[in-house]
């Protein structure tokens, strides 16, 4: 059995996006705030991590899955996903008699919680599980902030894509006004960022599940859980390839382990980016803050790509690693 973690973690995850779209809005364009600031949601960064876990054979609950029903392909419901993943049915709403029976009520709830905590995404990120027979919210041990693009010269590009198929609809001839067969291929478009550098903050609180430990439905947030998260933060974006995210990769990861009394602010606000010649610059502006905490800091690890990036801003005692080889620099 893996040991329960006894240190908190505060850190940073950096994503580089080159001619790709890390997090699209509902119009297909890079997501922005009202003032035009380009951002990435926490959902965008969790998704590649969950896909990586799933491909590694882990139980991942909150990923879209499908079924064929009456000849139609449709997404599974919450209850169907639960049944498929755990080979168990979501409990029906208890009768008044059973609701008054503490043993039946506890047994029913424990079974669901046991299953939910066996899913690696719920063990890390928590969940909101709402069905007629069971409704609960689990605050995750791991919390991500939104990621802010730190590259000031970001621009949105629209690329025209030629489809290999003929347009199935007819077109109107401009001269005659008559409808004629369209023999041309259809055109599509792909909206991308010319370049973006997203910086996320995250935190890990291993004590988040202590109440559930007391209930006997989980062994708490363990070192094994953390190592799975750490792997996702290091390679999740790089490993995930889709039409929109090809060109996205992990370019920075920082893990600062502290004692259980320490709280650090959102560290993403203290990282800046500068475009360089042969190498770009990632500037860390929180070294003094970490150093002033003294022995409350248990360890600090920084992962980046030394071939494309210079890291500016010393953090005393930090170990530096190549983010792709994960070998110490």
Protein backbone atom coordinates (compact mmCIF):
# COMPACT_ATOMS: atom_id res chain seq x y z
CA UNK A 1 0.00 0.00 0.00
CA UNK A 2 1.32 3.42 -0.97
CA UNK A 3 2.02 5.81 1.88
CA UNK A 4 -0.18 8.85 2.48
CA UNK A 5 1.53 12.08 1.53
CA UNK A 6 2.46 14.33 4.42
CA UNK A 7 3.67 17.41 2.52
CA UNK A 8 1.79 20.03 0.57
CA UNK A 9 2.84 20.95 -2.96
CA UNK A 10 2.60 24.28 -4.78
CA UNK A 11 3.68 24.57 -8.36
CA UNK A 12 3.51 25.73 -11.94
CA UNK A 13 2.65 24.04 -15.20
CA UNK A 14 3.71 25.77 -18.44
CA UNK A 15 2.28 24.93 -21.88
CA UNK A 16 3.80 26.09 -25.18
CA UNK A 17 1.45 26.38 -28.15
CA UNK A 18 2.86 26.88 -31.66
CA UNK A 19 0.36 27.20 -34.54
CA UNK A 20 -2.15 25.27 -32.47
CA UNK A 21 -5.16 25.96 -30.27
CA UNK A 22 -4.62 24.89 -26.67
CA UNK A 23 -8.06 25.92 -25.42
CA UNK A 24 -10.76 26.93 -27.90
CA UNK A 25 -13.92 28.82 -27.02
CA UNK A 26 -17.32 27.97 -28.50
CA UNK A 27 -16.40 29.90 -31.67
CA UNK A 28 -13.29 27.79 -32.18
CA UNK A 29 -10.92 30.65 -31.32
CA UNK A 30 -8.34 30.71 -28.50
CA UNK A 31 -10.21 31.45 -25.28
CA UNK A 32 -9.98 35.03 -24.04
CA UNK A 33 -11.23 37.25 -21.24
CA UNK A 34 -13.31 40.36 -21.92
CA UNK A 35 -10.13 42.47 -22.05
CA UNK A 36 -8.61 40.23 -24.74
CA UNK A 37 -6.23 38.37 -22.41
CA UNK A 38 -5.68 34.85 -23.78
CA UNK A 39 -6.29 32.18 -21.15
CA UNK A 40 -6.59 28.43 -20.77
CA UNK A 41 -9.14 26.89 -18.41
CA UNK A 42 -8.31 24.33 -15.76
CA UNK A 43 -10.46 21.87 -17.74
CA UNK A 44 -8.14 22.26 -20.74
CA UNK A 45 -5.11 21.20 -18.75
CA UNK A 46 -6.83 18.32 -16.94
CA UNK A 47 -8.15 16.72 -20.14
CA UNK A 48 -4.77 15.64 -21.65
CA UNK A 49 -3.70 14.37 -18.24
CA UNK A 50 -6.86 12.25 -17.98
CA UNK A 51 -6.34 10.93 -21.53
CA UNK A 52 -2.77 9.96 -20.64
CA UNK A 53 -4.00 8.12 -17.53
CA UNK A 54 -6.69 6.33 -19.54
CA UNK A 55 -4.16 5.18 -22.15
CA UNK A 56 -2.01 3.87 -19.29
CA UNK A 57 -4.86 1.58 -18.22
CA UNK A 58 -6.08 3.65 -15.27
CA UNK A 59 -9.76 4.02 -14.32
CA UNK A 60 -10.78 7.52 -15.44
CA UNK A 61 -14.39 8.47 -14.77
CA UNK A 62 -14.90 11.98 -16.19
CA UNK A 63 -14.19 11.39 -19.87
CA UNK A 64 -16.85 11.34 -22.54
CA UNK A 65 -17.81 7.85 -23.69
CA UNK A 66 -20.39 6.71 -26.22
CA UNK A 67 -22.95 4.03 -26.92
CA UNK A 68 -25.07 3.04 -29.93
CA UNK A 69 -28.77 3.15 -29.20
CA UNK A 70 -31.44 2.58 -31.87
CA UNK A 71 -28.81 3.12 -34.54
CA UNK A 72 -27.70 6.47 -33.12
CA UNK A 73 -24.35 7.22 -31.49
CA UNK A 74 -24.82 9.22 -28.29
CA UNK A 75 -22.83 10.03 -25.14
CA UNK A 76 -23.32 7.89 -22.05
CA UNK A 77 -25.17 9.41 -19.11
CA UNK A 78 -23.54 9.74 -15.70
CA UNK A 79 -25.25 6.57 -14.53
CA UNK A 80 -24.26 4.64 -17.67
CA UNK A 81 -20.64 5.71 -17.34
CA UNK A 82 -20.65 4.57 -13.71
CA UNK A 83 -22.13 1.19 -14.63
CA UNK A 84 -19.66 0.62 -17.48
CA UNK A 85 -16.57 1.60 -15.52
CA UNK A 86 -17.33 -0.05 -12.18
CA UNK A 87 -19.61 -2.90 -13.33
CA UNK A 88 -22.15 -1.76 -10.75
CA UNK A 89 -25.43 0.13 -10.77
CA UNK A 90 -25.91 3.55 -9.27
CA UNK A 91 -28.21 3.10 -6.27
CA UNK A 92 -31.84 4.01 -6.74
CA UNK A 93 -33.47 6.54 -4.46
CA UNK A 94 -33.95 4.88 -1.09
CA UNK A 95 -37.42 4.43 0.33
CA UNK A 96 -38.36 6.24 3.53
CA UNK A 97 -37.97 2.95 5.39
CA UNK A 98 -34.43 2.39 4.07
CA UNK A 99 -33.50 6.03 4.61
CA UNK A 100 -34.28 5.51 8.29
CA UNK A 101 -32.12 2.37 8.39
CA UNK A 102 -28.61 3.66 9.10
CA UNK A 103 -26.90 0.38 8.09
CA UNK A 104 -28.57 0.24 4.66
CA UNK A 105 -27.95 3.93 4.03
CA UNK A 106 -24.27 3.73 5.01
CA UNK A 107 -23.67 0.54 3.02
CA UNK A 108 -25.16 2.10 -0.10
CA UNK A 109 -23.14 5.30 0.18
CA UNK A 110 -19.91 3.48 1.03
CA UNK A 111 -20.13 1.33 -2.09
CA UNK A 112 -20.46 4.38 -4.35
CA UNK A 113 -17.65 6.26 -2.59
CA UNK A 114 -15.36 3.22 -2.73
CA UNK A 115 -15.87 3.09 -6.49
CA UNK A 116 -15.48 6.82 -7.05
CA UNK A 117 -12.21 7.00 -5.13
CA UNK A 118 -10.82 4.13 -7.24
CA UNK A 119 -10.87 6.43 -10.29
CA UNK A 120 -7.56 8.27 -10.63
CA UNK A 121 -9.11 11.51 -11.88
CA UNK A 122 -11.51 11.72 -8.93
CA UNK A 123 -8.71 10.83 -6.51
CA UNK A 124 -6.78 13.83 -7.80
CA UNK A 125 -9.34 16.39 -8.99
CA UNK A 126 -12.43 15.46 -6.99
CA UNK A 127 -15.90 15.52 -8.56
CA UNK A 128 -19.53 16.49 -8.42
CA UNK A 129 -21.60 13.32 -8.64
CA UNK A 130 -25.31 14.01 -8.90
CA UNK A 131 -27.83 11.24 -9.49
CA UNK A 132 -31.27 10.57 -8.11
CA UNK A 133 -30.05 7.94 -5.67
CA UNK A 134 -26.73 9.50 -4.67
CA UNK A 135 -25.53 13.09 -4.69
CA UNK A 136 -22.16 14.25 -3.39
CA UNK A 137 -19.40 16.76 -4.07
CA UNK A 138 -15.76 15.80 -3.44
CA UNK A 139 -13.30 18.70 -3.27
CA UNK A 140 -10.15 17.54 -5.05
CA UNK A 141 -6.76 17.37 -3.40
CA UNK A 142 -5.36 18.94 -6.59
CA UNK A 143 -6.52 22.37 -7.74
CA UNK A 144 -5.43 24.16 -10.93
CA UNK A 145 -5.83 27.85 -11.61
CA UNK A 146 -6.61 29.22 -15.05
CA UNK A 147 -3.53 29.57 -17.23
CA UNK A 148 -2.55 32.98 -18.60
CA UNK A 149 -0.69 33.43 -21.86
CA UNK A 150 2.51 35.33 -21.08
CA UNK A 151 3.50 36.07 -24.69
CA UNK A 152 2.56 39.66 -25.50
CA UNK A 153 2.76 39.31 -29.31
CA UNK A 154 0.16 36.57 -29.49
CA UNK A 155 -1.99 36.67 -32.62
CA UNK A 156 -4.83 34.52 -33.87
CA UNK A 157 -4.39 32.94 -37.30
CA UNK A 158 -7.10 31.38 -39.47
CA UNK A 159 -5.85 28.61 -41.73
CA UNK A 160 -7.95 27.47 -44.69
CA UNK A 161 -8.21 23.71 -45.09
CA UNK A 162 -9.24 21.91 -48.29
CA UNK A 163 -11.51 18.92 -47.75
CA UNK A 164 -10.96 15.75 -49.84
CA UNK A 165 -14.73 15.56 -50.47
CA UNK A 166 -17.07 17.30 -52.91
CA UNK A 167 -19.69 19.63 -51.51
CA UNK A 168 -22.94 17.63 -51.42
CA UNK A 169 -25.05 20.79 -51.79
CA UNK A 170 -25.69 22.60 -55.08
CA UNK A 171 -24.70 26.22 -55.59
CA UNK A 172 -26.39 29.16 -57.35
CA UNK A 173 -24.83 30.34 -60.62
CA UNK A 174 -24.04 34.06 -60.30
CA UNK A 175 -25.01 34.89 -63.91
CA UNK A 176 -28.13 32.79 -64.48
CA UNK A 177 -29.29 32.60 -60.90
CA UNK A 178 -30.01 28.91 -61.41
CA UNK A 179 -29.03 26.15 -59.04
CA UNK A 180 -26.18 24.02 -60.44
CA UNK A 181 -24.09 21.13 -59.15
CA UNK A 182 -21.10 22.18 -57.08
CA UNK A 183 -18.15 20.12 -58.33
CA UNK A 184 -15.57 21.70 -56.05
CA UNK A 185 -14.20 20.37 -52.80
CA UNK A 186 -15.46 21.92 -49.60
CA UNK A 187 -13.30 24.34 -47.64
CA UNK A 188 -12.84 24.42 -43.90
CA UNK A 189 -10.87 26.56 -41.52
CA UNK A 190 -8.68 26.03 -38.49
CA UNK A 191 -8.11 28.84 -35.97
CA UNK A 192 -4.79 28.73 -34.11
CA UNK A 193 -2.47 30.86 -32.01
CA UNK A 194 0.70 31.91 -33.80
CA UNK A 195 2.47 31.37 -30.47
CA UNK A 196 1.32 31.26 -26.87
CA UNK A 197 2.90 30.38 -23.53
CA UNK A 198 0.32 29.45 -20.87
CA UNK A 199 1.36 29.45 -17.23
CA UNK A 200 -0.88 27.63 -14.71
CA UNK A 201 -0.60 27.51 -10.97
CA UNK A 202 -1.58 24.43 -9.01
CA UNK A 203 -1.63 23.13 -5.46
CA UNK A 204 -1.82 19.72 -3.80
CA UNK A 205 -3.40 19.36 -0.37
CA UNK A 206 -3.01 15.74 0.78
CA UNK A 207 -5.29 16.38 3.77
CA UNK A 208 -8.34 17.13 1.62
CA UNK A 209 -9.76 13.61 2.05
CA UNK A 210 -9.25 13.14 5.78
CA UNK A 211 -13.02 12.99 6.42
CA UNK A 212 -13.35 10.25 3.83
CA UNK A 213 -10.43 8.37 5.39
CA UNK A 214 -12.36 8.39 8.67
CA UNK A 215 -15.35 6.94 6.78
CA UNK A 216 -13.17 4.07 5.50
CA UNK A 217 -13.78 4.76 1.79
CA UNK A 218 -10.23 5.78 0.84
CA UNK A 219 -6.68 5.56 2.14
CA UNK A 220 -6.25 9.29 1.50
CA UNK A 221 -4.09 11.08 -1.02
CA UNK A 222 -0.99 8.94 -1.39
CA UNK A 223 2.49 9.26 -2.84
CA UNK A 224 1.35 6.99 -5.68
CA UNK A 225 -1.50 9.40 -6.49
CA UNK A 226 0.95 12.30 -6.52
CA UNK A 227 3.43 10.50 -8.78
CA UNK A 228 0.66 9.88 -11.31
CA UNK A 229 -0.25 13.57 -11.19
CA UNK A 230 3.37 14.58 -11.54
CA UNK A 231 3.78 12.45 -14.66
CA UNK A 232 0.68 14.09 -16.18
CA UNK A 233 1.98 17.59 -15.46
CA UNK A 234 5.32 16.75 -17.05
CA UNK A 235 4.17 15.04 -20.26
CA UNK A 236 0.36 15.17 -20.54
CA UNK A 237 0.18 17.95 -23.14
CA UNK A 238 3.17 16.68 -25.11
CA UNK A 239 1.74 13.16 -25.23
CA UNK A 240 -1.72 14.27 -26.34
CA UNK A 241 -2.11 14.78 -30.07
CA UNK A 242 -5.27 16.05 -31.72
CA UNK A 243 -5.83 18.25 -34.76
CA UNK A 244 -6.05 21.38 -32.61
CA UNK A 245 -3.43 20.49 -29.99
CA UNK A 246 -0.67 19.15 -32.25
CA UNK A 247 1.96 21.81 -31.59
CA UNK A 248 1.25 22.02 -27.86
CA UNK A 249 3.84 20.73 -25.43
CA UNK A 250 4.85 20.92 -21.78
CA UNK A 251 7.61 23.51 -21.41
CA UNK A 252 7.77 24.17 -17.67
CA UNK A 253 6.90 22.37 -14.46
CA UNK A 254 7.78 23.41 -10.91
CA UNK A 255 7.04 21.37 -7.78
CA UNK A 256 7.63 22.98 -4.37
CA UNK A 257 6.98 20.69 -1.41
CA UNK A 258 6.24 22.37 1.91
CA UNK A 259 5.21 21.45 5.42
CA UNK A 260 1.50 21.26 6.21
CA UNK A 261 1.38 24.72 7.77
CA UNK A 262 2.60 26.63 4.71
CA UNK A 263 0.46 28.37 2.11
CA UNK A 264 1.84 29.91 -1.06
CA UNK A 265 -0.03 32.26 -3.42
CA UNK A 266 -0.81 31.47 -7.04
CA UNK A 267 2.73 31.27 -8.38
CA UNK A 268 1.69 31.77 -12.01
CA UNK A 269 1.45 35.52 -11.32
CA UNK A 270 5.19 35.56 -10.61
CA UNK A 271 6.35 34.07 -13.92
CA UNK A 272 6.98 36.11 -17.07
CA UNK A 273 8.09 35.27 -20.61
CA UNK A 274 10.40 37.08 -23.02
CA UNK A 275 11.00 36.21 -26.65
CA UNK A 276 14.68 35.71 -27.33
CA UNK A 277 16.91 35.05 -30.32
CA UNK A 278 18.09 31.46 -30.23
CA UNK A 279 16.35 30.84 -26.91
CA UNK A 280 13.28 32.21 -25.14
CA UNK A 281 13.37 33.32 -21.51
CA UNK A 282 11.16 32.12 -18.67
CA UNK A 283 11.64 34.44 -15.71
CA UNK A 284 10.85 33.28 -12.16
CA UNK A 285 10.16 36.18 -9.82
CA UNK A 286 9.43 34.33 -6.59
CA UNK A 287 12.85 33.01 -5.54
CA UNK A 288 13.17 35.37 -2.55
CA UNK A 289 9.71 34.41 -1.28
CA UNK A 290 10.61 30.71 -1.32
CA UNK A 291 14.05 31.30 0.22
CA UNK A 292 12.55 33.30 3.10
CA UNK A 293 10.46 30.28 4.12
CA UNK A 294 13.63 28.45 5.14
CA UNK A 295 13.21 24.87 6.29
CA UNK A 296 9.46 25.03 5.71
CA UNK A 297 10.41 24.24 2.09
CA UNK A 298 11.15 20.51 1.85
CA UNK A 299 12.22 20.39 -1.81
CA UNK A 300 11.97 22.29 -5.09
CA UNK A 301 12.18 20.72 -8.55
CA UNK A 302 12.15 22.69 -11.81
CA UNK A 303 11.66 21.03 -15.20
CA UNK A 304 12.17 22.92 -18.48
CA UNK A 305 13.63 22.50 -21.98
CA UNK A 306 17.23 23.81 -21.93
CA UNK A 307 17.49 23.50 -25.73
CA UNK A 308 14.85 26.18 -26.36
CA UNK A 309 14.62 28.09 -23.09
CA UNK A 310 16.82 29.97 -20.67
CA UNK A 311 15.55 29.96 -17.09
CA UNK A 312 16.07 33.29 -15.35
CA UNK A 313 15.68 33.74 -11.59
CA UNK A 314 17.43 31.51 -9.09
CA UNK A 315 15.56 29.52 -6.47
CA UNK A 316 18.08 28.50 -3.85
CA UNK A 317 18.35 24.73 -3.42
CA UNK A 318 16.18 23.91 -6.44
CA UNK A 319 17.10 20.93 -8.60
CA UNK A 320 16.89 21.48 -12.36
CA UNK A 321 15.74 18.80 -14.82
CA UNK A 322 15.23 18.45 -18.55
CA UNK A 323 11.44 18.23 -18.92
CA UNK A 324 11.66 15.72 -21.78
CA UNK A 325 14.44 13.39 -20.59
CA UNK A 326 13.72 14.15 -16.90
CA UNK A 327 17.46 13.92 -16.26
CA UNK A 328 19.06 16.38 -13.86
CA UNK A 329 20.79 19.33 -15.51
